[in-house]
Amino acid sequence: MYQTNPPRPPSEVLPTMYDLPSEDPQEPGLPDEFHDFQPQLLRETCQPPNYPTEEMFIGTDLNLYYDPRHRLWYKRPDWFLVLGVSRAQQQQDMRLSYVVWQEGMAPFLVVELLSPGTETEDLGQTPPDANKPPTKWQVYEQNLRIPYYIVFDRYENQLRVFQLVATQYQAVELPEQKFWFEEMELGLGVWQGNYQQTEGLWLRWYAATGNWIPTSEERAEQESQRAEQEHQRAEQESQRAERLAERLRAMGINPDEM
């Protein structure tokens, strides 16, 4: 495409998510059930008090296009969060991919779920190759400068947090397998529990109180328990009132006339 005078903005001349591939034919589908359930739990419990849900975008196993000079280069994080970007309000506007040069905002954090086959790349141990696109670590650290890079190894029960300090990721010491994000007023930690009828170790968000953010199923269960407790209190109050009425009648007093 020839250059115009004045030049047209990048949003008009660069490819959009409709022009770029959204699937990798060499890696169809998700690798296992854990890579399906864990992102769901992260999405359900990611509820920062200072960011409305409509002002943040969550991507799961979605192509992340990052370099307008190499427009077909992308990474595919297991889970990532972008703050300050509006989510789609209509189904036809839902993203096919996340294109950084169109969105104007890089992710705030990326989560990779460690697998034996991806451990080397996920931990930045893959040596750069000038004949290949940059590694995942290089893209997150140098190209996009994502503030936080999270790696979770469910086999070793290990959570790793890398924070961008100046121009490099620095490992954060985590004595309790938890990390607090001041920017979001929310924390991320390893939770032992049952999700999707599966017991195990899961990554999950928690509030300033230290309590885990409930899932939609847990909220419904809590509401049901509260309703049952209210019903029981009402029943007990009714029974107390009836016993009092019976005592008054035994004393020759009609409680209905009081």
Protein backbone atom coordinates (compact mmCIF):
# COMPACT_ATOMS: atom_id res chain seq x y z
CA MET A 1 0.00 0.00 0.00
CA TYR A 2 1.42 3.40 -1.00
CA GLN A 3 1.85 6.15 1.59
CA THR A 4 -0.61 9.05 1.51
CA ASN A 5 -0.04 12.68 2.34
CA PRO A 6 -0.77 13.21 5.13
CA PRO A 7 0.05 9.65 6.24
CA ARG A 8 -2.90 7.51 7.31
CA PRO A 9 -2.90 6.33 10.94
CA PRO A 10 -1.71 2.77 11.76
CA SER A 11 -5.24 1.78 12.75
CA GLU A 12 -6.25 2.24 9.12
CA VAL A 13 -3.30 0.67 7.30
CA LEU A 14 -2.28 -2.22 9.58
CA PRO A 15 -4.18 -5.54 9.59
CA THR A 16 -6.93 -6.03 12.15
CA MET A 17 -8.05 -9.19 13.95
CA TYR A 18 -10.30 -9.90 10.96
CA ASP A 19 -7.30 -10.04 8.65
CA LEU A 20 -5.02 -12.16 10.86
CA PRO A 21 -5.25 -15.93 11.51
CA SER A 22 -6.94 -16.73 14.83
CA GLU A 23 -6.01 -20.43 14.98
CA ASP A 24 -2.81 -22.42 14.64
CA PRO A 25 -3.48 -25.55 12.54
CA GLN A 26 -0.42 -27.17 14.11
CA GLU A 27 -1.90 -26.81 17.61
CA PRO A 28 -5.65 -27.41 17.36
CA GLY A 29 -7.69 -27.27 20.55
CA LEU A 30 -6.52 -27.23 24.16
CA PRO A 31 -3.84 -29.62 25.41
CA ASP A 32 -5.74 -31.01 28.41
CA GLU A 33 -8.64 -30.49 30.83
CA PHE A 34 -6.52 -28.53 33.29
CA HIS A 35 -5.77 -25.93 30.60
CA ASP A 36 -9.54 -25.63 30.18
CA PHE A 37 -10.67 -25.48 33.82
CA GLN A 38 -7.87 -23.37 35.31
CA PRO A 39 -8.44 -20.35 33.02
CA GLN A 40 -12.16 -20.55 33.83
CA LEU A 41 -11.42 -20.29 37.55
CA LEU A 42 -9.10 -17.34 36.98
CA ARG A 43 -11.75 -15.58 34.91
CA GLU A 44 -14.53 -16.22 37.42
CA THR A 45 -12.59 -14.94 40.40
CA CYS A 46 -10.82 -11.99 38.76
CA GLN A 47 -12.96 -9.22 40.27
CA PRO A 48 -10.78 -6.23 41.18
CA PRO A 49 -12.73 -3.66 43.22
CA ASN A 50 -11.19 -0.75 41.34
CA TYR A 51 -11.80 -2.00 37.77
CA PRO A 52 -15.33 -2.66 36.46
CA THR A 53 -15.55 -5.84 34.40
CA GLU A 54 -16.46 -3.82 31.32
CA GLU A 55 -13.11 -2.00 31.55
CA MET A 56 -10.87 -5.05 31.41
CA PHE A 57 -10.29 -7.78 28.85
CA ILE A 58 -9.41 -11.38 29.65
CA GLY A 59 -7.95 -13.62 26.99
CA THR A 60 -7.67 -17.41 27.20
CA ASP A 61 -5.58 -19.33 24.67
CA LEU A 62 -6.04 -16.42 22.28
CA ASN A 63 -3.57 -15.23 19.65
CA LEU A 64 -1.70 -12.15 20.89
CA TYR A 65 -0.28 -10.18 17.94
CA TYR A 66 2.44 -7.85 19.15
CA ASP A 67 4.70 -6.55 16.35
CA PRO A 68 3.39 -4.34 13.51
CA ARG A 69 6.67 -4.87 11.64
CA HIS A 70 6.07 -8.65 11.64
CA ARG A 71 2.34 -8.78 11.45
CA LEU A 72 1.92 -12.56 11.50
CA TRP A 73 4.04 -13.06 14.61
CA TYR A 74 2.06 -13.89 17.71
CA LYS A 75 2.15 -15.66 21.05
CA ARG A 76 -0.74 -17.58 22.57
CA PRO A 77 -0.76 -17.15 26.38
CA ASP A 78 -2.80 -19.55 28.49
CA TRP A 79 -4.40 -16.54 30.20
CA PHE A 80 -3.85 -12.81 30.09
CA LEU A 81 -5.44 -9.66 31.49
CA VAL A 82 -5.59 -6.20 29.96
CA LEU A 83 -6.71 -3.28 32.13
CA GLY A 84 -8.36 -0.21 30.69
CA VAL A 85 -9.66 -1.88 27.53
CA SER A 86 -13.37 -2.24 26.95
CA ARG A 87 -14.76 -5.71 26.56
CA ALA A 88 -17.17 -6.52 23.75
CA GLN A 89 -20.78 -5.60 24.49
CA GLN A 90 -22.20 -7.39 21.45
CA GLN A 91 -21.48 -10.94 20.37
CA GLN A 92 -20.46 -9.86 16.86
CA ASP A 93 -17.77 -7.63 18.41
CA MET A 94 -16.10 -10.39 20.44
CA ARG A 95 -12.39 -10.59 19.65
CA LEU A 96 -10.99 -13.25 17.34
CA SER A 97 -7.47 -12.34 18.51
CA TYR A 98 -5.88 -9.58 20.54
CA VAL A 99 -4.00 -7.20 18.26
CA VAL A 100 -1.85 -4.83 20.31
CA TRP A 101 -1.38 -2.18 17.63
CA GLN A 102 -5.16 -1.94 17.19
CA GLU A 103 -6.04 -2.03 20.89
CA GLY A 104 -3.35 0.45 21.92
CA MET A 105 -2.75 -1.39 25.20
CA ALA A 106 -0.50 -4.33 26.13
CA PRO A 107 -1.53 -6.88 28.79
CA PHE A 108 -1.04 -6.04 32.45
CA LEU A 109 -0.19 -9.64 33.26
CA VAL A 110 0.19 -12.99 31.57
CA VAL A 111 -0.26 -16.45 33.11
CA GLU A 112 1.37 -19.54 31.66
CA LEU A 113 0.44 -22.99 32.97
CA LEU A 114 3.60 -25.04 32.96
CA SER A 115 3.67 -28.29 31.02
CA PRO A 116 6.65 -30.66 30.66
CA GLY A 117 6.87 -29.80 26.96
CA THR A 118 6.77 -26.01 27.44
CA GLU A 119 8.83 -25.58 30.63
CA THR A 120 11.99 -24.39 28.89
CA GLU A 121 10.25 -21.68 26.90
CA ASP A 122 7.87 -20.65 29.71
CA LEU A 123 10.80 -20.03 32.07
CA GLY A 124 12.88 -18.10 29.55
CA GLN A 125 15.47 -20.82 29.10
CA THR A 126 15.13 -21.11 25.33
CA PRO A 127 18.15 -19.47 23.65
CA PRO A 128 17.25 -16.75 21.13
CA ASP A 129 17.55 -17.65 17.46
CA ALA A 130 18.11 -14.84 14.98
CA ASN A 131 16.38 -16.92 12.30
CA LYS A 132 13.19 -17.33 14.31
CA PRO A 133 10.66 -15.01 15.97
CA PRO A 134 11.56 -13.95 19.52
CA THR A 135 10.81 -16.34 22.36
CA LYS A 136 7.79 -16.01 24.61
CA TRP A 137 9.96 -14.57 27.37
CA GLN A 138 11.49 -11.99 25.00
CA VAL A 139 8.09 -10.87 23.76
CA TYR A 140 6.61 -10.46 27.23
CA GLU A 141 9.71 -8.79 28.68
CA GLN A 142 11.15 -6.75 25.82
CA ASN A 143 8.55 -6.27 23.11
CA LEU A 144 5.40 -5.75 25.18
CA ARG A 145 7.02 -4.95 28.54
CA ILE A 146 4.22 -6.70 30.40
CA PRO A 147 4.52 -5.70 34.09
CA TYR A 148 3.85 -9.18 35.50
CA TYR A 149 4.55 -12.64 34.14
CA ILE A 150 3.06 -15.53 36.15
CA VAL A 151 4.06 -19.18 35.77
CA PHE A 152 2.21 -21.95 37.64
CA ASP A 153 3.52 -25.51 37.86
CA ARG A 154 0.75 -27.74 39.23
CA TYR A 155 3.03 -30.79 39.17
CA GLU A 156 5.49 -29.21 41.60
CA ASN A 157 2.91 -27.00 43.36
CA GLN A 158 4.98 -23.94 42.52
CA LEU A 159 3.86 -20.44 41.71
CA ARG A 160 6.42 -18.12 40.15
CA VAL A 161 5.93 -14.38 39.74
CA PHE A 162 8.26 -12.31 37.56
CA GLN A 163 7.97 -8.54 37.83
CA LEU A 164 9.37 -6.16 35.24
CA VAL A 165 12.03 -4.04 36.92
CA ALA A 166 13.54 -1.47 34.57
CA THR A 167 14.09 -3.61 31.45
CA GLN A 168 14.22 -7.15 32.88
CA TYR A 169 12.02 -9.60 34.73
CA GLN A 170 13.02 -10.19 38.32
CA ALA A 171 11.76 -13.23 40.24
CA VAL A 172 9.65 -12.30 43.28
CA GLU A 173 10.12 -14.28 46.47
CA LEU A 174 6.84 -15.93 47.48
CA PRO A 175 7.03 -17.52 50.95
CA GLU A 176 3.27 -18.23 50.99
CA GLN A 177 2.55 -19.00 47.33
CA LYS A 178 0.61 -15.74 47.10
CA PHE A 179 1.21 -12.35 45.50
CA TRP A 180 -0.66 -9.07 46.03
CA PHE A 181 -1.22 -6.69 43.09
CA GLU A 182 -1.54 -3.19 44.48
CA GLU A 183 -2.67 -1.86 41.10
CA MET A 184 -5.71 -4.16 41.14
CA GLU A 185 -6.30 -4.34 44.90
CA LEU A 186 -6.41 -8.10 44.36
CA GLY A 187 -4.12 -11.04 45.08
CA LEU A 188 -3.30 -14.28 43.28
CA GLY A 189 -2.44 -17.49 45.09
CA VAL A 190 -2.48 -21.27 45.11
CA TRP A 191 -5.72 -22.72 46.52
CA GLN A 192 -6.36 -26.32 47.54
CA GLY A 193 -9.96 -27.16 46.77
CA ASN A 194 -12.63 -28.60 44.52
CA TYR A 195 -13.41 -26.90 41.22
CA GLN A 196 -15.52 -28.41 38.45
CA GLN A 197 -15.91 -31.51 40.66
CA THR A 198 -12.14 -31.92 40.62
CA GLU A 199 -9.99 -31.74 43.76
CA GLY A 200 -6.54 -30.25 43.40
CA LEU A 201 -4.30 -27.21 43.48
CA TRP A 202 -5.58 -24.21 41.56
CA LEU A 203 -4.56 -20.62 40.89
CA ARG A 204 -7.20 -18.30 42.29
CA TRP A 205 -7.73 -14.62 43.11
CA TYR A 206 -8.26 -13.41 46.67
CA ALA A 207 -9.45 -10.17 48.29
CA ALA A 208 -7.76 -7.78 50.72
CA THR A 209 -9.43 -9.67 53.57
CA GLY A 210 -7.48 -12.77 52.56
CA ASN A 211 -10.68 -14.55 51.52
CA TRP A 212 -10.79 -16.28 48.16
CA ILE A 213 -13.07 -14.57 45.63
CA PRO A 214 -16.09 -16.88 45.23
CA THR A 215 -17.05 -18.44 41.92
CA SER A 216 -20.56 -18.01 40.52
CA GLU A 217 -21.47 -21.47 41.85
CA GLU A 218 -20.15 -20.63 45.30
CA ARG A 219 -22.02 -17.31 45.31
CA ALA A 220 -25.25 -19.09 44.41
CA GLU A 221 -24.61 -21.61 47.20
CA GLN A 222 -23.92 -18.79 49.67
CA GLU A 223 -27.13 -17.04 48.66
CA SER A 224 -29.04 -20.29 49.09
CA GLN A 225 -27.53 -20.79 52.55
CA ARG A 226 -28.40 -17.23 53.56
CA ALA A 227 -31.97 -17.69 52.33
CA GLU A 228 -32.24 -20.94 54.28
CA GLN A 229 -30.89 -19.27 57.42
CA GLU A 230 -33.42 -16.44 57.04
CA HIS A 231 -36.18 -18.98 56.60
CA GLN A 232 -35.08 -20.83 59.73
CA ARG A 233 -34.94 -17.59 61.74
CA ALA A 234 -38.43 -16.69 60.54
CA GLU A 235 -39.70 -20.16 61.54
CA GLN A 236 -38.12 -19.87 64.98
CA GLU A 237 -39.63 -16.41 65.48
CA SER A 238 -43.05 -17.72 64.45
CA GLN A 239 -42.74 -20.64 66.88
CA ARG A 240 -41.72 -18.30 69.73
CA ALA A 241 -44.70 -16.05 68.99
CA GLU A 242 -47.04 -19.05 68.96
CA ARG A 243 -45.71 -20.33 72.33
CA LEU A 244 -46.21 -16.88 73.86
CA ALA A 245 -49.75 -16.74 72.50
CA GLU A 246 -50.50 -20.14 74.05
CA ARG A 247 -49.23 -18.98 77.47
CA LEU A 248 -51.37 -15.87 77.28
CA ARG A 249 -54.44 -17.92 76.42
CA ALA A 250 -53.71 -20.21 79.38
CA MET A 251 -53.78 -17.07 81.56
CA GLY A 252 -57.18 -16.10 80.14
CA ILE A 253 -55.77 -13.40 77.85
CA ASN A 254 -56.69 -13.29 74.20
CA PRO A 255 -53.50 -12.32 72.35
CA ASP A 256 -55.53 -11.31 69.28
CA GLU A 257 -57.13 -8.48 71.26
CA MET A 258 -53.85 -7.06 72.51
